[in-house]
Protein backbone atom coordinates (compact mmCIF):
# COMPACT_ATOMS: atom_id res chain seq x y z
CA UNK A 1 -27.12 35.54 11.63
CA UNK A 2 -23.72 36.69 12.87
CA UNK A 3 -22.71 33.06 13.59
CA UNK A 4 -23.82 31.97 10.12
CA UNK A 5 -21.74 34.73 8.50
CA UNK A 6 -18.65 33.74 10.54
CA UNK A 7 -19.23 30.08 9.62
CA UNK A 8 -19.44 30.90 5.88
CA UNK A 9 -16.28 33.04 6.08
CA UNK A 10 -14.45 30.22 7.86
CA UNK A 11 -15.53 27.67 5.22
CA UNK A 12 -14.41 29.97 2.38
CA UNK A 13 -11.06 30.58 4.12
CA UNK A 14 -10.42 26.85 4.70
CA UNK A 15 -11.49 25.98 1.14
CA UNK A 16 -9.14 28.62 -0.26
CA UNK A 17 -6.29 27.18 1.82
CA UNK A 18 -6.97 23.66 0.56
CA UNK A 19 -7.16 24.76 -3.07
CA UNK A 20 -3.93 26.75 -2.77
CA UNK A 21 -1.77 23.76 -1.84
CA UNK A 22 1.27 23.04 -3.97
CA UNK A 23 1.37 19.56 -5.50
CA UNK A 24 3.91 17.32 -3.74
CA UNK A 25 3.95 14.81 -6.61
CA UNK A 26 4.20 15.78 -10.27
CA UNK A 27 5.26 14.44 -13.67
CA UNK A 28 8.88 13.35 -13.66
CA UNK A 29 9.03 12.65 -9.92
CA UNK A 30 10.26 9.22 -8.85
CA UNK A 31 9.31 7.84 -5.42
CA UNK A 32 10.39 4.60 -3.75
CA UNK A 33 8.07 3.31 -0.99
CA UNK A 34 9.32 0.71 1.49
CA UNK A 35 6.67 -0.66 3.81
CA UNK A 36 5.42 -3.33 6.15
CA UNK A 37 1.83 -4.58 6.05
CA UNK A 38 -0.40 -4.87 9.11
CA UNK A 39 -3.61 -6.89 9.27
CA UNK A 40 -4.45 -9.46 6.63
CA UNK A 41 -7.37 -11.42 5.27
CA UNK A 42 -5.01 -14.17 4.11
CA UNK A 43 -4.37 -17.19 6.32
CA UNK A 44 -6.53 -16.12 9.22
CA UNK A 45 -7.96 -18.38 11.85
CA UNK A 46 -7.22 -20.21 15.05
CA UNK A 47 -4.23 -22.28 13.96
CA UNK A 48 -2.56 -19.74 11.66
CA UNK A 49 0.35 -17.50 12.61
CA UNK A 50 2.69 -15.18 10.73
CA UNK A 51 6.25 -16.34 10.12
CA UNK A 52 7.37 -13.32 8.08
CA UNK A 53 5.42 -10.02 8.04
CA UNK A 54 4.20 -8.68 4.70
CA UNK A 55 6.97 -6.45 3.36
CA UNK A 56 6.89 -4.56 0.10
CA UNK A 57 8.69 -2.06 -2.06
CA UNK A 58 7.08 -0.01 -4.79
CA UNK A 59 8.51 2.46 -7.26
CA UNK A 60 6.35 5.17 -8.82
CA UNK A 61 7.03 7.63 -11.63
CA UNK A 62 4.88 10.71 -12.29
CA UNK A 63 3.62 10.75 -15.89
CA UNK A 64 0.92 13.46 -16.19
CA UNK A 65 0.06 16.71 -14.40
CA UNK A 66 -3.02 18.91 -14.58
CA UNK A 67 -5.59 16.14 -14.11
CA UNK A 68 -8.68 17.76 -12.53
CA UNK A 69 -6.60 20.98 -12.36
CA UNK A 70 -4.14 20.13 -9.53
CA UNK A 71 -4.02 16.32 -9.74
CA UNK A 72 -1.40 14.06 -11.27
CA UNK A 73 -1.08 10.49 -12.53
CA UNK A 74 1.70 8.06 -11.62
CA UNK A 75 2.53 4.50 -12.64
CA UNK A 76 4.87 1.94 -11.16
CA UNK A 77 5.41 -1.53 -9.81
CA UNK A 78 5.35 -3.39 -6.50
CA UNK A 79 7.26 -6.38 -5.10
CA UNK A 80 6.11 -7.99 -1.87
CA UNK A 81 6.64 -11.06 0.31
CA UNK A 82 4.91 -12.65 3.31
CA UNK A 83 5.02 -15.97 5.18
CA UNK A 84 2.51 -17.86 7.35
CA UNK A 85 2.17 -21.23 9.03
CA UNK A 86 -0.70 -23.46 10.11
CA UNK A 87 -0.06 -25.90 12.95
CA UNK A 88 -2.54 -28.45 14.17
CA UNK A 89 -1.62 -31.43 16.33
CA UNK A 90 1.61 -32.86 14.88
CA UNK A 91 1.05 -31.41 11.40
CA UNK A 92 2.46 -28.20 10.04
CA UNK A 93 1.89 -26.31 6.81
CA UNK A 94 4.03 -23.31 5.85
CA UNK A 95 3.01 -20.81 3.19
CA UNK A 96 4.90 -18.07 1.39
CA UNK A 97 3.58 -15.49 -1.02
CA UNK A 98 5.65 -13.47 -3.48
CA UNK A 99 3.68 -10.68 -5.15
CA UNK A 100 4.60 -8.75 -8.27
CA UNK A 101 2.28 -6.13 -9.67
CA UNK A 102 1.77 -2.95 -11.62
CA UNK A 103 0.22 0.07 -9.90
CA UNK A 104 -1.61 3.14 -11.16
CA UNK A 105 -1.97 6.23 -8.92
CA UNK A 106 -4.05 9.41 -8.87
CA UNK A 107 -2.60 12.19 -6.67
CA UNK A 108 -4.46 15.27 -5.50
CA UNK A 109 -2.96 17.85 -3.11
CA UNK A 110 -5.14 18.53 -0.05
CA UNK A 111 -2.71 19.61 2.69
CA UNK A 112 0.75 21.19 2.49
CA UNK A 113 3.60 18.60 2.64
CA UNK A 114 1.07 15.74 2.35
CA UNK A 115 0.94 13.77 -0.89
CA UNK A 116 -2.54 12.19 -0.95
CA UNK A 117 -3.39 9.53 -3.51
CA UNK A 118 -5.53 6.56 -4.43
CA UNK A 119 -4.82 3.75 -6.83
CA UNK A 120 -5.23 0.25 -8.12
CA UNK A 121 -2.75 -2.63 -8.35
CA UNK A 122 -3.06 -5.55 -10.74
CA UNK A 123 -0.61 -8.36 -10.17
CA UNK A 124 0.28 -11.98 -9.70
CA UNK A 125 0.71 -13.97 -6.48
CA UNK A 126 3.32 -16.75 -6.58
CA UNK A 127 2.46 -18.93 -3.60
CA UNK A 128 4.16 -22.01 -2.17
CA UNK A 129 3.07 -24.48 0.46
CA UNK A 130 5.09 -27.05 2.38
CA UNK A 131 3.59 -29.76 4.56
CA UNK A 132 5.37 -31.77 7.21
CA UNK A 133 4.23 -34.15 9.92
CA UNK A 134 5.61 -36.51 12.50
CA UNK A 135 6.45 -40.13 11.92
CA UNK A 136 7.13 -41.58 8.51
CA UNK A 137 5.06 -39.17 6.41
CA UNK A 138 7.05 -37.57 3.60
CA UNK A 139 7.55 -33.83 3.36
CA UNK A 140 5.44 -32.49 0.53
CA UNK A 141 5.42 -29.13 -1.19
CA UNK A 142 3.29 -27.45 -3.79
CA UNK A 143 3.18 -24.14 -5.59
CA UNK A 144 0.51 -22.21 -7.41
CA UNK A 145 -0.26 -18.68 -8.43
CA UNK A 146 -3.03 -16.42 -9.45
CA UNK A 147 -4.18 -13.00 -10.46
CA UNK A 148 -4.63 -10.53 -7.59
CA UNK A 149 -5.79 -6.95 -7.34
CA UNK A 150 -5.70 -4.29 -4.69
CA UNK A 151 -7.35 -0.90 -4.26
CA UNK A 152 -5.63 1.55 -1.92
CA UNK A 153 -5.76 5.09 -0.58
CA UNK A 154 -2.66 6.63 0.93
CA UNK A 155 -0.56 9.55 1.92
CA UNK A 156 3.07 10.53 2.21
CA UNK A 157 3.97 13.25 4.69
CA UNK A 158 7.23 14.90 3.65
CA UNK A 159 9.44 15.50 6.67
CA UNK A 160 12.21 16.69 4.33
CA UNK A 161 12.11 17.55 0.64
CA UNK A 162 12.96 13.97 -0.41
CA UNK A 163 11.98 11.91 2.68
CA UNK A 164 8.42 11.08 3.75
CA UNK A 165 6.49 8.89 6.16
CA UNK A 166 4.01 6.77 4.24
CA UNK A 167 0.72 5.01 5.07
CA UNK A 168 -1.77 3.21 2.84
CA UNK A 169 -5.15 1.68 3.61
CA UNK A 170 -6.70 -0.80 1.26
CA UNK A 171 -7.78 -4.22 0.24
CA UNK A 172 -5.08 -6.72 -0.67
CA UNK A 173 -2.59 -8.88 1.20
CA UNK A 174 -2.78 -6.40 4.12
CA UNK A 175 -5.17 -3.68 5.30
CA UNK A 176 -2.60 -1.10 6.45
CA UNK A 177 0.82 -0.50 4.96
CA UNK A 178 3.23 1.81 6.84
CA UNK A 179 6.76 2.82 5.99
CA UNK A 180 8.97 5.42 4.39
CA UNK A 181 9.16 7.04 0.97
CA UNK A 182 12.23 8.41 -0.80
CA UNK A 183 11.82 10.92 -3.64
CA UNK A 184 14.61 11.21 -6.18
């Protein structure tokens, strides 16, 4: 019985601490994320290799506070680029992807100095492909594009008032995005 009472007191104390956290992102805030993507479901297989890692920059602006009491809503955009190649025998294909998209975020404070959020990106992938081989074959290129989407969950840990370390997990052109965030 004594252990149960201590357990309940500990849970109440921890819950009170979590609920008392100050929001690290609110309406009017502007945050620039700069990141590099790790892991990808694009261009995977035996003969594929990365020529340029997925890099991205996103800008977010806080637009509404008080969502679910402590939460906030942000909107913004993302630009990204990545490059891959496929080599087999004497043939080589190179691919590049330029991504532009709009992002919506929902922030909810859970831990002091940690901005936790989830969101959705809707965008467009501008892709190019170039083929080359040995001998007399001509060099050919092609481009195409298409609608893409990405769901993500992330966090920014503020080392200083306007500088944070950032990480996002999600589905998209990469599984893990790590980098820095600048609030201004």
